[in-house]
C-alpha atoms as a PDB file:
ATOM      1  CA  MET A   1      61.553 -22.447  40.749  1.00  0.00           C
ATOM      2  CA  GLY A   2      63.361 -20.645  37.941  1.00  0.00           C
ATOM      3  CA  MET A   3      60.169 -19.843  36.033  1.00  0.00           C
ATOM      4  CA  ARG A   4      58.563 -18.436  39.187  1.00  0.00           C
ATOM      5  CA  LEU A   5      61.558 -16.136  39.758  1.00  0.00           C
ATOM      6  CA  ILE A   6      61.367 -14.933  36.163  1.00  0.00           C
ATOM      7  CA  LEU A   7      57.636 -14.289  36.614  1.00  0.00           C
ATOM      8  CA  TYR A   8      58.271 -12.249  39.796  1.00  0.00           C
ATOM      9  CA  LEU A   9      61.017 -10.221  38.148  1.00  0.00           C
ATOM     10  CA  GLY A  10      58.834  -9.676  35.076  1.00  0.00           C
ATOM     11  CA  ILE A  11      55.983  -8.364  37.207  1.00  0.00           C
ATOM     12  CA  LEU A  12      58.422  -6.090  39.065  1.00  0.00           C
ATOM     13  CA  VAL A  13      59.818  -4.713  35.798  1.00  0.00           C
ATOM     14  CA  LEU A  14      56.309  -4.244  34.401  1.00  0.00           C
ATOM     15  CA  GLY A  15      55.277  -2.327  37.509  1.00  0.00           C
ATOM     16  CA  GLY A  16      58.403  -0.186  37.311  1.00  0.00           C
ATOM     17  CA  PHE A  17      57.729   0.550  33.642  1.00  0.00           C
ATOM     18  CA  VAL A  18      54.087   1.487  34.319  1.00  0.00           C
ATOM     19  CA  GLY A  19      55.149   3.752  37.185  1.00  0.00           C
ATOM     20  CA  TYR A  20      57.945   5.324  35.143  1.00  0.00           C
ATOM     21  CA  LYS A  21      55.678   6.052  32.185  1.00  0.00           C
ATOM     22  CA  ASP A  22      53.072   7.505  34.586  1.00  0.00           C
ATOM     23  CA  LYS A  23      50.325   5.240  33.226  1.00  0.00           C
ATOM     24  CA  ILE A  24      48.261   5.003  36.439  1.00  0.00           C
ATOM     25  CA  SER A  25      45.412   7.263  37.434  1.00  0.00           C
ATOM     26  CA  GLU A  26      45.804   9.870  40.169  1.00  0.00           C
ATOM     27  CA  LYS A  27      43.122   8.116  42.246  1.00  0.00           C
ATOM     28  CA  LEU A  28      45.056   4.840  42.149  1.00  0.00           C
ATOM     29  CA  GLU A  29      48.324   6.645  42.838  1.00  0.00           C
ATOM     30  CA  ALA A  30      46.792   8.326  45.899  1.00  0.00           C
ATOM     31  CA  ASN A  31      45.748   4.926  47.269  1.00  0.00           C
ATOM     32  CA  LEU A  32      48.968   3.010  46.543  1.00  0.00           C
ATOM     33  CA  ASP A  33      50.096   3.145  50.190  1.00  0.00           C
ATOM     34  CA  THR A  34      46.845   1.589  51.354  1.00  0.00           C
ATOM     35  CA  ILE A  35      46.899  -1.058  48.609  1.00  0.00           C
ATOM     36  CA  GLN A  36      50.506  -1.909  49.416  1.00  0.00           C
ATOM     37  CA  SER A  37      49.736  -2.235  53.137  1.00  0.00           C
ATOM     38  CA  ILE A  38      46.737  -4.489  52.478  1.00  0.00           C
ATOM     39  CA  CYS A  39      48.792  -6.716  50.157  1.00  0.00           C
ATOM     40  CA  LEU A  40      51.596  -6.925  52.714  1.00  0.00           C
ATOM     41  CA  LEU A  41      49.171  -7.872  55.485  1.00  0.00           C
ATOM     42  CA  PHE A  42      47.608 -10.528  53.246  1.00  0.00           C
ATOM     43  CA  LEU A  43      51.058 -11.913  52.434  1.00  0.00           C
ATOM     44  CA  LEU A  44      51.929 -12.095  56.140  1.00  0.00           C
ATOM     45  CA  PHE A  45      48.612 -13.826  56.840  1.00  0.00           C
ATOM     46  CA  VAL A  46      49.248 -16.455  54.160  1.00  0.00           C
ATOM     47  CA  MET A  47      52.797 -16.976  55.425  1.00  0.00           C
ATOM     48  CA  GLY A  48      51.395 -17.477  58.934  1.00  0.00           C
ATOM     49  CA  ILE A  49      48.980 -20.105  57.631  1.00  0.00           C
ATOM     50  CA  THR A  50      51.838 -21.874  55.822  1.00  0.00           C
ATOM     51  CA  ILE A  51      53.971 -21.869  58.971  1.00  0.00           C
ATOM     52  CA  GLY A  52      51.052 -23.075  61.108  1.00  0.00           C
ATOM     53  CA  ILE A  53      50.313 -25.978  58.776  1.00  0.00           C
ATOM     54  CA  ASN A  54      53.928 -27.195  58.746  1.00  0.00           C
ATOM     55  CA  GLU A  55      54.339 -29.501  61.775  1.00  0.00           C
ATOM     56  CA  GLU A  56      58.136 -29.526  61.504  1.00  0.00           C
ATOM     57  CA  VAL A  57      58.312 -25.742  61.750  1.00  0.00           C
ATOM     58  CA  MET A  58      55.870 -25.660  64.656  1.00  0.00           C
ATOM     59  CA  THR A  59      57.814 -28.258  66.660  1.00  0.00           C
ATOM     60  CA  ASN A  60      61.107 -26.420  66.054  1.00  0.00           C
ATOM     61  CA  LEU A  61      59.716 -22.895  66.433  1.00  0.00           C
ATOM     62  CA  PHE A  62      61.835 -22.024  69.497  1.00  0.00           C
ATOM     63  CA  SER A  63      65.028 -23.298  67.872  1.00  0.00           C
ATOM     64  CA  ILE A  64      64.299 -21.448  64.635  1.00  0.00           C
ATOM     65  CA  GLY A  65      63.446 -18.275  66.546  1.00  0.00           C
ATOM     66  CA  LEU A  66      66.645 -18.456  68.592  1.00  0.00           C
ATOM     67  CA  LYS A  67      68.763 -18.928  65.465  1.00  0.00           C
ATOM     68  CA  ALA A  68      66.971 -16.025  63.750  1.00  0.00           C
ATOM     69  CA  PHE A  69      67.574 -13.840  66.827  1.00  0.00           C
ATOM     70  CA  ILE A  70      71.289 -14.673  66.869  1.00  0.00           C
ATOM     71  CA  ILE A  71      71.643 -14.009  63.148  1.00  0.00           C
ATOM     72  CA  SER A  72      69.817 -10.678  63.558  1.00  0.00           C
ATOM     73  CA  ILE A  73      72.053  -9.568  66.426  1.00  0.00           C
ATOM     74  CA  PHE A  74      75.238 -10.425  64.544  1.00  0.00           C
ATOM     75  CA  THR A  75      73.938  -8.698  61.408  1.00  0.00           C
ATOM     76  CA  ILE A  76      73.196  -5.517  63.342  1.00  0.00           C
ATOM     77  CA  LEU A  77      76.515  -5.557  65.212  1.00  0.00           C
ATOM     78  CA  PHE A  78      78.644  -6.178  62.127  1.00  0.00           C
ATOM     79  CA  SER A  79      76.708  -3.537  60.173  1.00  0.00           C
ATOM     80  CA  ILE A  80      77.452  -0.971  62.875  1.00  0.00           C
ATOM     81  CA  VAL A  81      81.129  -1.973  63.023  1.00  0.00           C
ATOM     82  CA  PHE A  82      81.614  -1.835  59.249  1.00  0.00           C
ATOM     83  CA  VAL A  83      79.801   1.502  58.924  1.00  0.00           C
ATOM     84  CA  TYR A  84      81.998   2.901  61.697  1.00  0.00           C
ATOM     85  CA  ILE A  85      85.173   1.647  59.966  1.00  0.00           C
ATOM     86  CA  ILE A  86      84.121   2.920  56.547  1.00  0.00           C
ATOM     87  CA  LYS A  87      83.014   6.257  57.983  1.00  0.00           C
ATOM     88  CA  ARG A  88      86.415   6.746  59.601  1.00  0.00           C
ATOM     89  CA  PHE A  89      88.120   5.897  56.308  1.00  0.00           C
ATOM     90  CA  ILE A  90      85.937   8.315  54.326  1.00  0.00           C
ATOM     91  CA  VAL A  91      86.385  11.103  56.876  1.00  0.00           C
ATOM     92  CA  LEU A  92      90.164  10.641  56.735  1.00  0.00           C
ATOM     93  CA  GLU A  93      90.061  10.829  52.925  1.00  0.00           C
ATOM     94  CA  GLU A  94      87.950  14.014  53.053  1.00  0.00           C
ATOM     95  CA  GLU A  95      90.335  15.632  55.565  1.00  0.00           C
ATOM     96  CA  ARG A  96      93.281  14.867  53.274  1.00  0.00           C
ATOM     97  CA  ASN A  97      91.458  16.406  50.308  1.00  0.00           C
ATOM     98  CA  GLU A  98      90.597  19.561  52.277  1.00  0.00           C
ATOM     99  CA  SER A  99      94.237  20.123  53.374  1.00  0.00           C
END
């Protein structure tokens, strides 16, 4: 597991370095959106196959989906609440600085 994470991070850093040094052709750069979309769709397809093969996941799909839905709702709600609180704090600080 640890070696795989290091490999992923290494590939990410390598890609960032290549992009930063501008070492890719203009033709490849123009098609990066398409390449990225194709790779993402392939990844989703493979993940779907993996989920479909796993009997335990398939039998508990409704339960897993319900838990994911609840986690998503709470994440969204708490994000909105915390942004609202922080925004009020920042606005108060800016008003004090302007006075």
